[in-house]
Protein backbone atom coordinates (compact mmCIF):
# COMPACT_ATOMS: atom_id res chain seq x y z
CA UNK A 1 67.36 -82.66 368.63
CA UNK A 2 69.04 -84.72 365.94
CA UNK A 3 70.21 -84.26 362.33
CA UNK A 4 67.31 -84.25 359.84
CA UNK A 5 66.42 -87.54 358.19
CA UNK A 6 65.81 -87.29 354.46
CA UNK A 7 65.53 -91.09 354.11
CA UNK A 8 62.74 -91.84 356.59
CA UNK A 9 60.48 -94.58 355.18
CA UNK A 10 56.94 -93.20 355.02
CA UNK A 11 55.43 -96.35 353.46
CA UNK A 12 54.13 -97.74 356.79
CA UNK A 13 52.59 -94.36 357.62
CA UNK A 14 50.67 -94.14 354.35
CA UNK A 15 49.63 -97.79 354.63
CA UNK A 16 48.00 -96.99 357.98
CA UNK A 17 46.46 -93.82 356.54
CA UNK A 18 44.86 -95.80 353.71
CA UNK A 19 42.80 -97.91 356.13
CA UNK A 20 42.25 -95.33 358.89
CA UNK A 21 38.82 -93.96 359.72
CA UNK A 22 40.14 -90.60 360.94
CA UNK A 23 43.20 -88.47 360.17
CA UNK A 24 44.52 -84.97 360.80
CA UNK A 25 46.99 -83.05 358.66
CA UNK A 26 48.46 -80.07 360.53
CA UNK A 27 50.45 -77.51 358.54
CA UNK A 28 52.44 -74.43 359.48
CA UNK A 29 52.04 -71.59 356.97
CA UNK A 30 55.06 -69.28 356.48
CA UNK A 31 58.09 -71.22 355.28
CA UNK A 32 56.09 -74.44 354.98
CA UNK A 33 53.20 -73.77 352.60
CA UNK A 34 54.49 -70.39 351.43
CA UNK A 35 57.99 -69.03 350.84
CA UNK A 36 59.20 -66.31 353.15
CA UNK A 37 58.85 -62.77 351.85
CA UNK A 38 59.70 -59.37 353.28
CA UNK A 39 56.18 -58.25 352.35
CA UNK A 40 54.28 -60.49 354.75
CA UNK A 41 50.91 -59.58 353.25
CA UNK A 42 52.08 -61.07 349.94
CA UNK A 43 53.25 -64.44 351.30
CA UNK A 44 51.19 -66.59 348.96
CA UNK A 45 51.49 -70.41 348.82
CA UNK A 46 53.95 -72.20 346.58
CA UNK A 47 52.43 -72.92 343.16
CA UNK A 48 50.34 -76.07 343.39
CA UNK A 49 49.74 -75.95 347.15
CA UNK A 50 46.36 -74.21 346.97
CA UNK A 51 45.03 -76.62 344.35
CA UNK A 52 46.01 -79.62 346.45
CA UNK A 53 44.67 -78.28 349.74
CA UNK A 54 41.36 -77.43 348.09
CA UNK A 55 40.86 -81.15 347.52
CA UNK A 56 40.62 -81.71 351.26
CA UNK A 57 37.35 -79.75 351.43
CA UNK A 58 34.61 -82.15 352.45
CA UNK A 59 37.04 -85.00 353.10
CA UNK A 60 35.35 -87.89 354.90
CA UNK A 61 38.59 -88.75 356.67
CA UNK A 62 41.15 -85.95 356.91
CA UNK A 63 40.81 -82.90 359.12
CA UNK A 64 42.96 -80.14 357.58
CA UNK A 65 44.38 -77.67 360.12
CA UNK A 66 46.71 -74.68 359.76
CA UNK A 67 48.85 -73.87 362.83
CA UNK A 68 50.61 -70.52 362.50
CA UNK A 69 52.25 -67.73 364.43
CA UNK A 70 50.14 -65.27 362.43
CA UNK A 71 46.77 -63.94 363.54
CA UNK A 72 44.17 -66.42 362.32
CA UNK A 73 42.35 -63.84 360.19
CA UNK A 74 45.50 -63.24 358.12
CA UNK A 75 45.61 -66.77 356.73
CA UNK A 76 42.41 -67.12 354.63
CA UNK A 77 43.18 -64.24 352.21
CA UNK A 78 46.68 -65.60 351.63
CA UNK A 79 45.81 -69.28 351.46
CA UNK A 80 42.80 -68.71 349.21
CA UNK A 81 40.81 -71.83 350.12
CA UNK A 82 37.02 -71.81 349.88
CA UNK A 83 35.87 -72.63 352.46
CA UNK A 84 38.90 -71.89 354.65
CA UNK A 85 40.09 -74.72 356.91
CA UNK A 86 40.37 -74.72 360.69
CA UNK A 87 43.16 -72.33 361.72
CA UNK A 88 45.07 -72.08 364.98
CA UNK A 89 46.67 -68.62 365.02
CA UNK A 90 49.19 -66.94 367.31
CA UNK A 91 50.88 -70.28 368.03
CA UNK A 92 47.55 -71.69 369.16
CA UNK A 93 46.27 -68.77 371.23
CA UNK A 94 43.32 -68.36 368.89
CA UNK A 95 41.32 -70.95 367.00
CA UNK A 96 39.35 -69.99 363.92
CA UNK A 97 36.73 -72.56 363.02
CA UNK A 98 35.68 -73.15 359.40
CA UNK A 99 32.45 -71.22 360.05
CA UNK A 100 34.50 -68.12 360.96
CA UNK A 101 33.96 -68.20 364.72
CA UNK A 102 37.13 -67.47 366.69
CA UNK A 103 37.99 -68.77 370.16
CA UNK A 104 40.81 -66.95 371.97
CA UNK A 105 42.69 -67.48 375.21
CA UNK A 106 42.48 -64.78 377.85
CA UNK A 107 45.71 -63.11 378.94
CA UNK A 108 46.39 -61.49 382.28
CA UNK A 109 46.82 -57.81 382.98
CA UNK A 110 50.41 -58.57 383.97
CA UNK A 111 51.16 -59.95 380.51
CA UNK A 112 49.46 -56.98 378.83
CA UNK A 113 51.56 -54.61 380.93
CA UNK A 114 54.77 -56.39 379.97
CA UNK A 115 53.96 -56.35 376.25
CA UNK A 116 53.03 -52.66 376.42
CA UNK A 117 56.29 -51.82 378.19
CA UNK A 118 58.24 -53.77 375.57
CA UNK A 119 56.41 -51.95 372.79
CA UNK A 120 57.16 -48.58 374.41
CA UNK A 121 60.82 -49.58 374.74
CA UNK A 122 60.93 -50.52 371.05
CA UNK A 123 59.56 -47.11 370.07
CA UNK A 124 62.04 -45.30 372.31
CA UNK A 125 64.91 -47.25 370.72
CA UNK A 126 63.87 -46.75 367.09
CA UNK A 127 62.68 -50.30 366.58
CA UNK A 128 58.98 -49.58 366.09
CA UNK A 129 59.14 -50.17 362.29
CA UNK A 130 60.25 -53.74 362.99
CA UNK A 131 57.50 -54.49 365.52
CA UNK A 132 54.24 -56.36 365.12
CA UNK A 133 51.94 -56.27 368.14
CA UNK A 134 49.54 -59.15 368.63
CA UNK A 135 47.26 -59.84 371.60
CA UNK A 136 49.66 -62.40 373.07
CA UNK A 137 53.00 -61.19 371.74
CA UNK A 138 55.29 -58.56 370.32
CA UNK A 139 57.34 -59.71 367.34
CA UNK A 140 60.49 -58.07 365.99
CA UNK A 141 60.84 -58.82 362.25
CA UNK A 142 64.11 -58.19 360.44
CA UNK A 143 63.93 -60.39 357.36
CA UNK A 144 65.63 -58.67 354.44
CA UNK A 145 67.95 -56.52 356.55
CA UNK A 146 71.76 -56.92 356.33
CA UNK A 147 73.10 -59.70 358.54
CA UNK A 148 75.31 -57.36 360.55
CA UNK A 149 72.33 -55.14 361.30
CA UNK A 150 70.08 -58.03 362.32
CA UNK A 151 72.75 -59.33 364.69
CA UNK A 152 72.95 -55.96 366.39
CA UNK A 153 69.16 -55.68 366.71
CA UNK A 154 68.84 -59.21 368.08
CA UNK A 155 71.50 -58.58 370.71
CA UNK A 156 69.81 -55.34 371.76
CA UNK A 157 66.40 -56.96 372.18
CA UNK A 158 67.77 -60.11 373.79
CA UNK A 159 69.93 -58.25 376.32
CA UNK A 160 67.04 -56.03 377.39
CA UNK A 161 64.25 -58.62 377.55
CA UNK A 162 65.65 -62.13 378.04
CA UNK A 163 65.39 -61.89 381.83
CA UNK A 164 63.11 -58.87 382.26
CA UNK A 165 60.29 -60.56 380.37
CA UNK A 166 59.93 -63.35 382.92
CA UNK A 167 58.46 -61.12 385.62
CA UNK A 168 55.46 -60.60 383.34
CA UNK A 169 54.93 -64.26 382.42
CA UNK A 170 56.42 -63.64 378.99
CA UNK A 171 59.18 -65.53 377.20
CA UNK A 172 61.56 -64.49 374.44
CA UNK A 173 61.77 -66.90 371.52
CA UNK A 174 63.64 -66.94 368.21
CA UNK A 175 61.85 -67.57 364.92
CA UNK A 176 63.16 -67.48 361.37
CA UNK A 177 63.58 -63.79 360.65
CA UNK A 178 63.09 -62.35 364.10
CA UNK A 179 62.45 -62.56 367.84
CA UNK A 180 59.14 -62.71 369.65
CA UNK A 181 58.09 -61.82 373.17
CA UNK A 182 55.03 -63.93 373.87
CA UNK A 183 52.94 -65.38 376.66
CA UNK A 184 54.80 -68.25 378.29
CA UNK A 185 53.22 -71.67 377.85
CA UNK A 186 51.31 -70.89 374.67
CA UNK A 187 52.99 -72.55 371.73
CA UNK A 188 52.30 -74.86 368.82
CA UNK A 189 52.93 -77.90 371.00
CA UNK A 190 50.00 -76.89 373.18
CA UNK A 191 47.81 -76.62 370.07
CA UNK A 192 48.89 -80.06 368.88
CA UNK A 193 48.07 -81.63 372.24
CA UNK A 194 44.59 -80.09 372.17
CA UNK A 195 43.97 -81.35 368.64
CA UNK A 196 45.18 -84.84 369.56
CA UNK A 197 42.79 -84.89 372.53
CA UNK A 198 39.88 -84.40 370.10
CA UNK A 199 40.86 -87.32 367.86
CA UNK A 200 40.36 -91.04 368.30
CA UNK A 201 43.32 -93.00 369.65
CA UNK A 202 43.86 -94.70 366.28
CA UNK A 203 43.70 -91.51 364.18
CA UNK A 204 46.59 -90.96 361.76
CA UNK A 205 48.27 -87.59 362.30
CA UNK A 206 51.04 -85.56 360.67
CA UNK A 207 52.49 -82.12 361.35
CA UNK A 208 54.59 -80.18 358.85
CA UNK A 209 56.60 -77.10 359.88
CA UNK A 210 59.81 -75.30 359.10
CA UNK A 211 61.30 -73.37 362.02
CA UNK A 212 62.02 -73.28 365.74
CA UNK A 213 58.42 -72.49 366.67
CA UNK A 214 57.40 -75.79 365.07
CA UNK A 215 59.82 -77.80 367.19
CA UNK A 216 57.32 -77.56 370.07
CA UNK A 217 54.75 -79.22 367.81
CA UNK A 218 57.19 -81.93 366.71
CA UNK A 219 57.96 -82.81 370.33
CA UNK A 220 54.28 -82.79 371.30
CA UNK A 221 53.51 -85.22 368.48
CA UNK A 222 56.35 -87.62 369.29
CA UNK A 223 55.04 -91.18 369.36
CA UNK A 224 51.61 -90.10 368.15
CA UNK A 225 52.19 -89.22 364.53
CA UNK A 226 54.60 -88.20 361.79
CA UNK A 227 56.49 -84.91 362.18
CA UNK A 228 58.11 -83.37 359.11
CA UNK A 229 60.62 -80.55 358.82
CA UNK A 230 60.03 -78.58 355.60
CA UNK A 231 63.15 -76.57 354.73
CA UNK A 232 65.52 -76.02 351.84
CA UNK A 233 68.51 -76.55 354.15
CA UNK A 234 69.05 -79.00 356.99
CA UNK A 235 69.17 -78.11 360.67
CA UNK A 236 68.92 -80.03 363.97
CA UNK A 237 65.31 -81.00 364.63
CA UNK A 238 62.96 -83.17 366.65
CA UNK A 239 61.08 -84.07 363.46
CA UNK A 240 61.05 -87.59 362.04
CA UNK A 241 61.62 -86.56 358.44
CA UNK A 242 63.10 -83.72 356.41
CA UNK A 243 61.70 -82.70 353.03
CA UNK A 244 62.46 -79.77 350.74
CA UNK A 245 59.82 -77.39 349.40
CA UNK A 246 58.16 -77.07 347.06
CA UNK A 247 58.70 -80.31 345.14
CA UNK A 248 58.87 -82.78 348.00
CA UNK A 249 56.09 -80.94 349.84
CA UNK A 250 53.79 -81.29 346.82
CA UNK A 251 54.74 -84.96 346.47
CA UNK A 252 53.80 -85.57 350.12
CA UNK A 253 50.44 -83.85 349.68
CA UNK A 254 49.78 -85.83 346.50
CA UNK A 255 50.46 -89.09 348.26
CA UNK A 256 48.16 -88.11 351.14
CA UNK A 257 45.40 -87.22 348.66
CA UNK A 258 45.79 -90.61 346.97
CA UNK A 259 44.95 -92.53 350.14
CA UNK A 260 43.73 -90.09 352.80
CA UNK A 261 40.48 -88.59 351.53
């Protein structure tokens, strides 16, 4: 990790993009394309994002891909693109193709047992209202709660499950606004590696994300593309470049559209 770089020179990257035959633009959703909101079903993109992403439809060069911790079916209604792009949901555990077909990883009975036990524990400890159960994970969301309360909840979950989760092949990871118990080894870095394996060696690639779950993707892309931290405030990161939403995000997309379609 290193301090974010707001002065990274992207000119060479866009020069290569202008003459490339193939490119991939990978984007996280919450916090990157859309501001965080307590009402997760109302997390719509920043103004101007939808209009720009719509221009990638039918691109001869750029493959547009969303990589999110959300379930893949949650993204199209929020993003509002027609047709929807390729979406990797649950940190890459499921892949929704533009035709609507979904490919999902299989999880073991041991993992299912661990997630069920964690969910039961959450209910017994009054944390059920904060929980979101997904096939590969159990997320505790506390965005919007007082800081003192979130600290207490985090400590409670962490103390109970940091070590206990490992016997089930599960890991406990922070994300902006919560903690998640999820299948070990499935993360956004794994998704990026799979996407890279499907591209030509000279393809131009970028990944934009905002939080700790995106650091796996930044590290997976190292040496193979441009990684960009999208946040209003700086933090240590493995990304090459730091930009602030929405203005600098829109400027980046505009520049890509100028040369990358």
